[in-house]
Amino acid sequence: MPFRRILLADDDRALAALVSTALREEGFEVEHVTTGLQAVQSFERAPPDAIVLDVLMPEMDGLEVCRKIRRRSRVPIILLTSRGEEVDRVTGLETGADDYVTKPFSLRELCARIRALERRASGPAPEEGGGEAISAGALTIDPDRFEVRWKGVQASLTRSELQVLSALVRRRGRVLSREQLLELARGDDAVVTDRTVDTFIKRIRKKLRDAEPSFDEIETVIGVGYRYR
């Protein structure tokens, strides 16, 4: 279903006015709020089709807003921030955000990213089987429920971590490069980088081992990429 209503949360009123105008010219309805608390309240009152969320806001920062919303909804979220370091991009994605735009950004780019999320949400799943559960030995993945279990013990993965793991498991036994993992897990509109994939793999391993220490199924193939045994 096409996006209709966008929730914009940013305490920079001048920037928000420009973004709101650009989004309305694209045909979206826009509600603008200036604090993290207002963003959560607006979401609870009338869930939008997508959220554009500034990271640095009063009352509650954007990362905490993203965490709260992601606990109850898979609504697409784009984070806005003036920070450009890799660690900040990874942190944003780990909270459950779908994309990440660093200030300063072009309004055209932001609109293109929203349209990309709209296509991803409206189109068919890129992998065969759609949202069906995936299994490989003692590992099971339920994409619809965002559940991952190793030997029956559940591990809590973020959306992006689950996508990376799913891409590996669907092609188990094959070595996938970082570039292939980006394409398979995120599509052509990927915001994550090859360095971010390394971070995701590290965190996937840790979370599954924390859940059940015997997990050791993801191999690093030096100079090439990763393989699920």
C-alpha atoms as a PDB file:
ATOM      1  CA  MET A   1       0.000   0.000   0.000  1.00  0.00           C
ATOM      2  CA  PRO A   2       1.430   3.453  -0.908  1.00  0.00           C
ATOM      3  CA  PHE A   3       2.530   5.705   1.934  1.00  0.00           C
ATOM      4  CA  ARG A   4       0.116   8.506   2.684  1.00  0.00           C
ATOM      5  CA  ARG A   5       0.961   9.986   6.073  1.00  0.00           C
ATOM      6  CA  ILE A   6       4.477  10.835   7.300  1.00  0.00           C
ATOM      7  CA  LEU A   7       5.355  11.715  10.892  1.00  0.00           C
ATOM      8  CA  LEU A   8       8.278  14.169  10.984  1.00  0.00           C
ATOM      9  CA  ALA A   9       9.983  14.649  14.361  1.00  0.00           C
ATOM     10  CA  ASP A  10      12.669  17.365  14.430  1.00  0.00           C
ATOM     11  CA  ASP A  11      13.191  20.310  16.766  1.00  0.00           C
ATOM     12  CA  ASP A  12      14.858  22.361  13.999  1.00  0.00           C
ATOM     13  CA  ARG A  13      11.762  24.219  12.861  1.00  0.00           C
ATOM     14  CA  ALA A  14      13.403  25.842   9.835  1.00  0.00           C
ATOM     15  CA  LEU A  15      14.651  22.500   8.493  1.00  0.00           C
ATOM     16  CA  ALA A  16      11.357  20.814   9.329  1.00  0.00           C
ATOM     17  CA  ALA A  17       9.474  23.446   7.337  1.00  0.00           C
ATOM     18  CA  LEU A  18      11.624  22.718   4.269  1.00  0.00           C
ATOM     19  CA  VAL A  19      11.259  18.948   4.688  1.00  0.00           C
ATOM     20  CA  SER A  20       7.490  19.232   5.220  1.00  0.00           C
ATOM     21  CA  THR A  21       7.103  21.303   2.055  1.00  0.00           C
ATOM     22  CA  ALA A  22       9.157  18.830   0.008  1.00  0.00           C
ATOM     23  CA  LEU A  23       7.172  15.860   1.317  1.00  0.00           C
ATOM     24  CA  ARG A  24       3.835  17.548   0.649  1.00  0.00           C
ATOM     25  CA  GLU A  25       4.955  18.296  -2.906  1.00  0.00           C
ATOM     26  CA  GLU A  26       5.547  14.540  -3.209  1.00  0.00           C
ATOM     27  CA  GLY A  27       1.907  13.975  -2.245  1.00  0.00           C
ATOM     28  CA  PHE A  28       2.366  13.006   1.418  1.00  0.00           C
ATOM     29  CA  GLU A  29       0.425  14.294   4.399  1.00  0.00           C
ATOM     30  CA  VAL A  30       2.882  15.474   7.067  1.00  0.00           C
ATOM     31  CA  GLU A  31       2.528  15.879  10.812  1.00  0.00           C
ATOM     32  CA  HIS A  32       5.438  17.729  12.421  1.00  0.00           C
ATOM     33  CA  VAL A  33       6.371  17.424  16.096  1.00  0.00           C
ATOM     34  CA  THR A  34       9.372  18.903  17.891  1.00  0.00           C
ATOM     35  CA  THR A  35      10.143  16.510  20.766  1.00  0.00           C
ATOM     36  CA  GLY A  36      10.691  12.802  21.161  1.00  0.00           C
ATOM     37  CA  LEU A  37       7.817  12.528  23.606  1.00  0.00           C
ATOM     38  CA  GLN A  38       5.458  14.181  21.121  1.00  0.00           C
ATOM     39  CA  ALA A  39       6.625  11.711  18.474  1.00  0.00           C
ATOM     40  CA  VAL A  40       5.696   8.736  20.655  1.00  0.00           C
ATOM     41  CA  GLN A  41       2.362  10.306  21.578  1.00  0.00           C
ATOM     42  CA  SER A  42       1.553  11.053  17.936  1.00  0.00           C
ATOM     43  CA  PHE A  43       2.435   7.489  16.926  1.00  0.00           C
ATOM     44  CA  GLU A  44       0.187   6.064  19.653  1.00  0.00           C
ATOM     45  CA  ARG A  45      -2.657   8.380  18.697  1.00  0.00           C
ATOM     46  CA  ALA A  46      -2.551   7.768  14.932  1.00  0.00           C
ATOM     47  CA  PRO A  47       0.206   5.483  13.555  1.00  0.00           C
ATOM     48  CA  PRO A  48       1.695   6.958  10.336  1.00  0.00           C
ATOM     49  CA  ASP A  49       2.843   5.086   7.246  1.00  0.00           C
ATOM     50  CA  ALA A  50       6.474   6.124   7.850  1.00  0.00           C
ATOM     51  CA  ILE A  51       8.492   8.188  10.334  1.00  0.00           C
ATOM     52  CA  VAL A  52      11.342  10.653   9.712  1.00  0.00           C
ATOM     53  CA  LEU A  53      13.032  11.005  13.074  1.00  0.00           C
ATOM     54  CA  ASP A  54      15.807  13.343  14.216  1.00  0.00           C
ATOM     55  CA  VAL A  55      18.279  11.722  16.617  1.00  0.00           C
ATOM     56  CA  LEU A  56      18.976  14.753  18.811  1.00  0.00           C
ATOM     57  CA  MET A  57      15.699  16.036  20.289  1.00  0.00           C
ATOM     58  CA  PRO A  58      14.522  17.316  23.671  1.00  0.00           C
ATOM     59  CA  GLU A  59      12.609  15.190  26.225  1.00  0.00           C
ATOM     60  CA  MET A  60      13.535  11.908  24.526  1.00  0.00           C
ATOM     61  CA  ASP A  61      16.188  11.353  21.851  1.00  0.00           C
ATOM     62  CA  GLY A  62      15.388   9.776  18.520  1.00  0.00           C
ATOM     63  CA  LEU A  63      17.117   6.486  19.306  1.00  0.00           C
ATOM     64  CA  GLU A  64      14.915   5.948  22.358  1.00  0.00           C
ATOM     65  CA  VAL A  65      11.835   6.914  20.342  1.00  0.00           C
ATOM     66  CA  CYS A  66      12.845   4.368  17.718  1.00  0.00           C
ATOM     67  CA  ARG A  67      13.280   1.648  20.359  1.00  0.00           C
ATOM     68  CA  LYS A  68       9.866   2.351  21.875  1.00  0.00           C
ATOM     69  CA  ILE A  69       8.075   2.337  18.530  1.00  0.00           C
ATOM     70  CA  ARG A  70       9.911  -0.722  17.263  1.00  0.00           C
ATOM     71  CA  ARG A  71       8.723  -2.772  20.255  1.00  0.00           C
ATOM     72  CA  ARG A  72       5.160  -2.513  18.947  1.00  0.00           C
ATOM     73  CA  SER A  73       5.376  -1.740  15.239  1.00  0.00           C
ATOM     74  CA  ARG A  74       7.387  -2.374  12.064  1.00  0.00           C
ATOM     75  CA  VAL A  75       6.523   1.040  10.608  1.00  0.00           C
ATOM     76  CA  PRO A  76       9.425   2.235   8.388  1.00  0.00           C
ATOM     77  CA  ILE A  77      11.719   4.688  10.208  1.00  0.00           C
ATOM     78  CA  ILE A  78      14.391   6.981   8.758  1.00  0.00           C
ATOM     79  CA  LEU A  79      16.778   8.594  11.241  1.00  0.00           C
ATOM     80  CA  LEU A  80      18.171  12.101  10.715  1.00  0.00           C
ATOM     81  CA  THR A  81      21.371  13.150  12.418  1.00  0.00           C
ATOM     82  CA  SER A  82      24.327  15.499  12.108  1.00  0.00           C
ATOM     83  CA  ARG A  83      26.655  12.719  13.217  1.00  0.00           C
ATOM     84  CA  GLY A  84      28.583  10.882  10.539  1.00  0.00           C
ATOM     85  CA  GLU A  85      30.658   8.294  12.357  1.00  0.00           C
ATOM     86  CA  GLU A  86      30.227   4.605  11.555  1.00  0.00           C
ATOM     87  CA  VAL A  87      29.419   3.759  15.182  1.00  0.00           C
ATOM     88  CA  ASP A  88      26.458   6.139  15.085  1.00  0.00           C
ATOM     89  CA  ARG A  89      25.100   4.597  11.892  1.00  0.00           C
ATOM     90  CA  VAL A  90      25.379   1.132  13.403  1.00  0.00           C
ATOM     91  CA  THR A  91      23.690   2.268  16.630  1.00  0.00           C
ATOM     92  CA  GLY A  92      20.831   3.757  14.637  1.00  0.00           C
ATOM     93  CA  LEU A  93      20.281   0.553  12.689  1.00  0.00           C
ATOM     94  CA  GLU A  94      20.516  -1.551  15.834  1.00  0.00           C
ATOM     95  CA  THR A  95      17.589   0.321  17.358  1.00  0.00           C
ATOM     96  CA  GLY A  96      15.495  -0.944  14.451  1.00  0.00           C
ATOM     97  CA  ALA A  97      15.687   1.984  12.023  1.00  0.00           C
ATOM     98  CA  ASP A  98      15.316   1.140   8.326  1.00  0.00           C
ATOM     99  CA  ASP A  99      17.497   3.912   6.930  1.00  0.00           C
ATOM    100  CA  TYR A 100      19.810   6.687   8.021  1.00  0.00           C
ATOM    101  CA  VAL A 101      20.394  10.157   6.533  1.00  0.00           C
ATOM    102  CA  THR A 102      23.248  12.362   7.740  1.00  0.00           C
ATOM    103  CA  LYS A 103      22.821  16.136   7.864  1.00  0.00           C
ATOM    104  CA  PRO A 104      23.262  18.116   5.719  1.00  0.00           C
ATOM    105  CA  PHE A 105      21.222  16.172   3.181  1.00  0.00           C
ATOM    106  CA  SER A 106      19.336  17.019   0.027  1.00  0.00           C
ATOM    107  CA  LEU A 107      15.553  17.037   0.146  1.00  0.00           C
ATOM    108  CA  ARG A 108      15.565  15.065  -3.088  1.00  0.00           C
ATOM    109  CA  GLU A 109      17.649  12.331  -1.458  1.00  0.00           C
ATOM    110  CA  LEU A 110      15.325  12.127   1.540  1.00  0.00           C
ATOM    111  CA  CYS A 111      12.264  11.824  -0.684  1.00  0.00           C
ATOM    112  CA  ALA A 112      14.020   9.133  -2.735  1.00  0.00           C
ATOM    113  CA  ARG A 113      14.794   7.138   0.396  1.00  0.00           C
ATOM    114  CA  ILE A 114      11.181   7.364   1.564  1.00  0.00           C
ATOM    115  CA  ARG A 115      10.029   6.147  -1.853  1.00  0.00           C
ATOM    116  CA  ALA A 116      12.542   3.289  -1.612  1.00  0.00           C
ATOM    117  CA  LEU A 117      11.074   2.244   1.737  1.00  0.00           C
ATOM    118  CA  GLU A 118       7.609   2.527   0.219  1.00  0.00           C
ATOM    119  CA  ARG A 119       8.594   0.159  -2.606  1.00  0.00           C
ATOM    120  CA  ARG A 120      10.198  -2.238  -0.148  1.00  0.00           C
ATOM    121  CA  ALA A 121       7.096  -2.243   2.064  1.00  0.00           C
ATOM    122  CA  SER A 122       4.616  -2.547  -0.815  1.00  0.00           C
ATOM    123  CA  GLY A 123       6.431  -4.965  -3.087  1.00  0.00           C
ATOM    124  CA  PRO A 124       6.812  -8.730  -2.816  1.00  0.00           C
ATOM    125  CA  ALA A 125       9.486 -10.240  -0.601  1.00  0.00           C
ATOM    126  CA  PRO A 126      12.799 -10.499  -2.489  1.00  0.00           C
ATOM    127  CA  GLU A 127      13.380 -14.100  -1.476  1.00  0.00           C
ATOM    128  CA  GLU A 128      11.458 -17.171  -2.385  1.00  0.00           C
ATOM    129  CA  GLY A 129       9.071 -18.318   0.316  1.00  0.00           C
ATOM    130  CA  GLY A 130       8.107 -14.800   1.385  1.00  0.00           C
ATOM    131  CA  GLY A 131       7.651 -14.634   5.139  1.00  0.00           C
ATOM    132  CA  GLU A 132       7.822 -18.404   5.689  1.00  0.00           C
ATOM    133  CA  ALA A 133      10.002 -19.733   8.486  1.00  0.00           C
ATOM    134  CA  ILE A 134      13.576 -20.718   7.603  1.00  0.00           C
ATOM    135  CA  SER A 135      15.363 -23.630   9.236  1.00  0.00           C
ATOM    136  CA  ALA A 136      18.917 -24.960   9.077  1.00  0.00           C
ATOM    137  CA  GLY A 137      19.743 -27.704  11.532  1.00  0.00           C
ATOM    138  CA  ALA A 138      19.156 -26.361  15.022  1.00  0.00           C
ATOM    139  CA  LEU A 139      18.497 -22.814  13.793  1.00  0.00           C
ATOM    140  CA  THR A 140      15.015 -21.502  12.984  1.00  0.00           C
ATOM    141  CA  ILE A 141      14.071 -18.029  11.777  1.00  0.00           C
ATOM    142  CA  ASP A 142      10.506 -16.703  11.689  1.00  0.00           C
ATOM    143  CA  PRO A 143      10.665 -13.442   9.661  1.00  0.00           C
ATOM    144  CA  ASP A 144       7.054 -12.482  10.341  1.00  0.00           C
ATOM    145  CA  ARG A 145       7.526 -12.680  14.108  1.00  0.00           C
ATOM    146  CA  PHE A 146      11.133 -11.473  14.079  1.00  0.00           C
ATOM    147  CA  GLU A 147      12.106 -14.574  16.071  1.00  0.00           C
ATOM    148  CA  VAL A 148      15.406 -16.454  15.871  1.00  0.00           C
ATOM    149  CA  ARG A 149      16.015 -19.664  17.825  1.00  0.00           C
ATOM    150  CA  TRP A 150      19.126 -21.827  18.176  1.00  0.00           C
ATOM    151  CA  LYS A 151      18.426 -25.242  19.731  1.00  0.00           C
ATOM    152  CA  GLY A 152      15.071 -23.894  20.856  1.00  0.00           C
ATOM    153  CA  VAL A 153      16.520 -20.899  22.718  1.00  0.00           C
ATOM    154  CA  GLN A 154      15.403 -17.513  21.423  1.00  0.00           C
ATOM    155  CA  ALA A 155      17.886 -14.745  20.558  1.00  0.00           C
ATOM    156  CA  SER A 156      16.812 -11.133  20.114  1.00  0.00           C
ATOM    157  CA  LEU A 157      18.101  -9.745  16.799  1.00  0.00           C
ATOM    158  CA  THR A 158      17.407  -6.395  15.190  1.00  0.00           C
ATOM    159  CA  ARG A 159      15.731  -6.177  11.786  1.00  0.00           C
ATOM    160  CA  SER A 160      19.038  -5.682   9.947  1.00  0.00           C
ATOM    161  CA  GLU A 161      20.785  -8.478  11.850  1.00  0.00           C
ATOM    162  CA  LEU A 162      17.918 -10.832  11.038  1.00  0.00           C
ATOM    163  CA  GLN A 163      18.124  -9.902   7.349  1.00  0.00           C
ATOM    164  CA  VAL A 164      21.870 -10.588   7.220  1.00  0.00           C
ATOM    165  CA  LEU A 165      21.481 -13.926   9.019  1.00  0.00           C
ATOM    166  CA  SER A 166      18.554 -14.918   6.790  1.00  0.00           C
ATOM    167  CA  ALA A 167      20.591 -14.178   3.663  1.00  0.00           C
ATOM    168  CA  LEU A 168      23.404 -16.422   4.917  1.00  0.00           C
ATOM    169  CA  VAL A 169      21.103 -19.255   5.962  1.00  0.00           C
ATOM    170  CA  ARG A 170      19.168 -19.266   2.690  1.00  0.00           C
ATOM    171  CA  ARG A 171      22.476 -19.811   0.895  1.00  0.00           C
ATOM    172  CA  ARG A 172      24.114 -22.004   3.512  1.00  0.00           C
ATOM    173  CA  GLY A 173      27.323 -23.648   2.424  1.00  0.00           C
ATOM    174  CA  ARG A 174      28.113 -20.828  -0.004  1.00  0.00           C
ATOM    175  CA  VAL A 175      30.570 -18.041   0.701  1.00  0.00           C
ATOM    176  CA  LEU A 176      28.924 -14.622   0.423  1.00  0.00           C
ATOM    177  CA  SER A 177      30.944 -11.445   0.080  1.00  0.00           C
ATOM    178  CA  ARG A 178      30.056  -8.367   2.086  1.00  0.00           C
ATOM    179  CA  GLU A 179      28.688  -6.777  -1.087  1.00  0.00           C
ATOM    180  CA  GLN A 180      26.463  -9.795  -1.731  1.00  0.00           C
ATOM    181  CA  LEU A 181      25.190  -9.713   1.839  1.00  0.00           C
ATOM    182  CA  LEU A 182      24.316  -6.041   1.458  1.00  0.00           C
ATOM    183  CA  GLU A 183      22.382  -6.734  -1.738  1.00  0.00           C
ATOM    184  CA  LEU A 184      20.605  -9.825  -0.409  1.00  0.00           C
ATOM    185  CA  ALA A 185      19.779  -8.387   3.000  1.00  0.00           C
ATOM    186  CA  ARG A 186      18.938  -4.795   2.157  1.00  0.00           C
ATOM    187  CA  GLY A 187      18.417  -4.488  -1.596  1.00  0.00           C
ATOM    188  CA  ASP A 188      19.756  -1.788  -3.889  1.00  0.00           C
ATOM    189  CA  ASP A 189      18.728   0.960  -1.442  1.00  0.00           C
ATOM    190  CA  ALA A 190      21.003  -0.357   1.339  1.00  0.00           C
ATOM    191  CA  VAL A 191      22.173   2.146   3.909  1.00  0.00           C
ATOM    192  CA  VAL A 192      24.595  -0.239   5.583  1.00  0.00           C
ATOM    193  CA  THR A 193      28.209  -0.483   4.419  1.00  0.00           C
ATOM    194  CA  ASP A 194      30.610  -3.409   4.147  1.00  0.00           C
ATOM    195  CA  ARG A 195      32.140  -2.417   7.494  1.00  0.00           C
ATOM    196  CA  THR A 196      28.680  -2.437   9.023  1.00  0.00           C
ATOM    197  CA  VAL A 197      28.181  -6.021   7.817  1.00  0.00           C
ATOM    198  CA  ASP A 198      31.227  -7.040   9.866  1.00  0.00           C
ATOM    199  CA  THR A 199      29.662  -5.442  12.912  1.00  0.00           C
ATOM    200  CA  PHE A 200      26.354  -7.204  12.290  1.00  0.00           C
ATOM    201  CA  ILE A 201      28.091 -10.594  11.972  1.00  0.00           C
ATOM    202  CA  LYS A 202      29.960  -9.987  15.225  1.00  0.00           C
ATOM    203  CA  ARG A 203      26.749  -9.094  17.049  1.00  0.00           C
ATOM    204  CA  ILE A 204      24.764 -11.985  15.545  1.00  0.00           C
ATOM    205  CA  ARG A 205      27.395 -14.424  16.786  1.00  0.00           C
ATOM    206  CA  LYS A 206      27.433 -12.871  20.242  1.00  0.00           C
ATOM    207  CA  LYS A 207      23.653 -12.811  20.646  1.00  0.00           C
ATOM    208  CA  LEU A 208      23.245 -16.428  19.545  1.00  0.00           C
ATOM    209  CA  ARG A 209      26.106 -17.564  21.796  1.00  0.00           C
ATOM    210  CA  ASP A 210      24.638 -15.621  24.697  1.00  0.00           C
ATOM    211  CA  ALA A 211      21.380 -17.478  24.109  1.00  0.00           C
ATOM    212  CA  GLU A 212      23.068 -20.880  23.692  1.00  0.00           C
ATOM    213  CA  PRO A 213      26.908 -21.100  23.829  1.00  0.00           C
ATOM    214  CA  SER A 214      27.271 -23.904  21.268  1.00  0.00           C
ATOM    215  CA  PHE A 215      26.471 -21.657  18.291  1.00  0.00           C
ATOM    216  CA  ASP A 216      29.432 -21.592  15.902  1.00  0.00           C
ATOM    217  CA  GLU A 217      27.856 -21.839  12.462  1.00  0.00           C
ATOM    218  CA  ILE A 218      29.027 -18.633  10.772  1.00  0.00           C
ATOM    219  CA  GLU A 219      32.481 -18.951   9.238  1.00  0.00           C
ATOM    220  CA  THR A 220      34.721 -16.060   8.248  1.00  0.00           C
ATOM    221  CA  VAL A 221      36.435 -16.690   4.917  1.00  0.00           C
ATOM    222  CA  ILE A 222      39.390 -14.321   5.050  1.00  0.00           C
ATOM    223  CA  GLY A 223      39.537 -11.893   2.173  1.00  0.00           C
ATOM    224  CA  VAL A 224      36.188 -13.056   0.790  1.00  0.00           C
ATOM    225  CA  GLY A 225      33.257 -12.852   3.204  1.00  0.00           C
ATOM    226  CA  TYR A 226      31.125 -15.180   5.314  1.00  0.00           C
ATOM    227  CA  ARG A 227      29.497 -18.609   5.084  1.00  0.00           C
ATOM    228  CA  TYR A 228      26.816 -20.366   7.110  1.00  0.00           C
ATOM    229  CA  ARG A 229      27.951 -23.987   7.600  1.00  0.00           C
END
